Protein backbone atom coordinates (compact mmCIF):
# COMPACT_ATOMS: atom_id res chain seq x y z
CA UNK A 1 96.78 61.23 149.33
CA UNK A 2 96.34 64.68 147.81
CA UNK A 3 94.83 66.31 150.91
CA UNK A 4 97.15 64.66 153.40
CA UNK A 5 100.47 64.47 151.60
CA UNK A 6 100.49 66.68 148.52
CA UNK A 7 98.63 69.63 149.97
CA UNK A 8 97.79 69.34 153.66
CA UNK A 9 94.24 70.48 154.30
CA UNK A 10 95.36 71.63 157.76
CA UNK A 11 96.84 74.66 156.03
CA UNK A 12 93.48 75.56 154.48
CA UNK A 13 90.93 77.82 156.09
CA UNK A 14 87.97 76.82 158.20
CA UNK A 15 84.58 76.77 156.51
CA UNK A 16 83.05 80.26 156.95
CA UNK A 17 81.18 80.56 160.23
CA UNK A 18 82.53 77.26 161.55
CA UNK A 19 85.87 78.14 163.09
CA UNK A 20 87.44 75.43 165.19
CA UNK A 21 85.52 72.55 166.67
CA UNK A 22 81.73 72.55 166.94
CA UNK A 23 78.95 70.04 167.75
CA UNK A 24 78.23 67.55 164.98
CA UNK A 25 75.60 65.01 164.03
CA UNK A 26 75.55 61.39 162.99
CA UNK A 27 77.00 59.87 160.92
CA UNK A 28 80.00 62.17 161.16
CA UNK A 29 80.76 62.61 164.81
CA UNK A 30 79.89 64.27 168.09
CA UNK A 31 82.21 67.17 167.18
CA UNK A 32 83.54 68.43 163.87
CA UNK A 33 86.08 70.69 162.22
CA UNK A 34 85.50 71.68 158.60
CA UNK A 35 88.26 72.88 156.31
CA UNK A 36 88.05 73.99 152.68
CA UNK A 37 90.53 74.76 149.95
CA UNK A 38 90.75 78.26 148.48
CA UNK A 39 88.38 77.47 145.61
CA UNK A 40 85.65 76.29 148.00
CA UNK A 41 86.22 79.13 150.46
CA UNK A 42 85.91 81.78 147.78
CA UNK A 43 82.62 80.34 146.51
CA UNK A 44 81.24 79.92 150.04
CA UNK A 45 82.13 83.49 151.03
CA UNK A 46 80.48 84.79 147.86
CA UNK A 47 77.39 82.60 148.30
CA UNK A 48 78.03 80.84 145.00
CA UNK A 49 77.73 77.16 144.09
CA UNK A 50 80.83 75.03 144.61
CA UNK A 51 82.94 75.08 141.44
CA UNK A 52 84.98 72.19 140.13
CA UNK A 53 88.16 71.79 142.11
CA UNK A 54 86.43 72.63 145.41
CA UNK A 55 87.45 70.38 148.31
CA UNK A 56 85.75 70.31 151.70
CA UNK A 57 87.29 68.23 154.49
CA UNK A 58 85.47 67.32 157.69
CA UNK A 59 87.35 65.99 160.71
CA UNK A 60 85.04 63.81 162.81
CA UNK A 61 85.74 63.72 166.56
CA UNK A 62 84.41 61.64 169.46
CA UNK A 63 82.53 62.85 172.52
CA UNK A 64 85.74 64.02 174.21
CA UNK A 65 86.45 66.57 171.41
CA UNK A 66 89.99 65.17 171.19
CA UNK A 67 89.74 61.72 169.61
CA UNK A 68 89.82 61.93 165.82
CA UNK A 69 87.51 59.20 164.56
CA UNK A 70 87.65 59.81 160.79
CA UNK A 71 88.30 62.36 158.07
CA UNK A 72 85.66 62.75 155.35
CA UNK A 73 86.54 64.79 152.25
CA UNK A 74 84.34 65.87 149.35
CA UNK A 75 86.06 66.81 146.08
CA UNK A 76 84.11 68.28 143.14
CA UNK A 77 85.44 66.77 139.91
CA UNK A 78 83.99 67.72 136.51
CA UNK A 79 82.23 64.77 134.90
CA UNK A 80 83.05 62.39 137.76
CA UNK A 81 79.50 61.57 138.84
CA UNK A 82 76.86 63.97 137.44
CA UNK A 83 74.07 62.07 139.22
CA UNK A 84 75.65 63.02 142.57
CA UNK A 85 76.71 66.58 141.85
CA UNK A 86 80.11 65.45 140.49
CA UNK A 87 81.36 64.92 144.04
CA UNK A 88 84.05 62.38 144.89
CA UNK A 89 83.45 61.20 148.46
CA UNK A 90 85.91 59.73 150.89
CA UNK A 91 86.43 58.54 154.41
CA UNK A 92 89.69 57.60 156.04
CA UNK A 93 90.71 56.76 159.55
CA UNK A 94 93.04 58.75 161.79
CA UNK A 95 95.81 56.39 160.70
CA UNK A 96 95.24 57.37 157.05
CA UNK A 97 93.68 54.02 156.11
CA UNK A 98 91.03 54.46 153.42
CA UNK A 99 87.65 53.30 154.68
CA UNK A 100 85.59 54.42 151.65
CA UNK A 101 86.23 56.43 148.50
CA UNK A 102 84.73 57.38 145.19
CA UNK A 103 81.02 57.04 144.56
CA UNK A 104 80.20 56.14 148.17
CA UNK A 105 76.55 55.08 148.33
CA UNK A 106 76.01 56.12 151.96
CA UNK A 107 77.41 59.61 151.35
CA UNK A 108 75.40 60.07 148.17
CA UNK A 109 72.12 58.90 149.73
CA UNK A 110 72.53 61.14 152.76
CA UNK A 111 73.66 64.24 150.86
CA UNK A 112 70.98 63.78 148.16
CA UNK A 113 68.50 65.58 150.43
CA UNK A 114 70.69 68.67 149.90
CA UNK A 115 70.81 68.28 146.12
CA UNK A 116 69.25 71.73 145.62
CA UNK A 117 71.94 73.22 147.88
CA UNK A 118 74.90 71.73 146.03
CA UNK A 119 74.86 68.48 148.07
CA UNK A 120 76.30 70.37 151.07
CA UNK A 121 74.81 70.49 154.57
CA UNK A 122 77.15 73.03 156.12
CA UNK A 123 76.13 76.49 155.01
CA UNK A 124 78.57 79.35 155.14
CA UNK A 125 77.73 82.00 157.72
């Protein structure tokens, strides 16, 4: 609700070095757009770890680059889940229906390989 109604992530900036749509990988989608709030953008641009309050939102598109398949946010919340970098994970459909949220096992297991890089795959360029 926060990133779609309270503060639309579409008004945030693109993740540094990933402007607009670009090729993606499973499980997210054939094409992606990655947005970040000001807190996350500042840290990424400075090459610093993501601070609490950072939110990264990935739009997952189909092969045609036009069909939005899902939106997958990550929100860093102090004390939320220390074993998974304190990230709150989510996935919702293009209709806004929540498909997964919170301590999502699939997200945690996949991103755990990036534990030493703050649980993030997309590096700022």
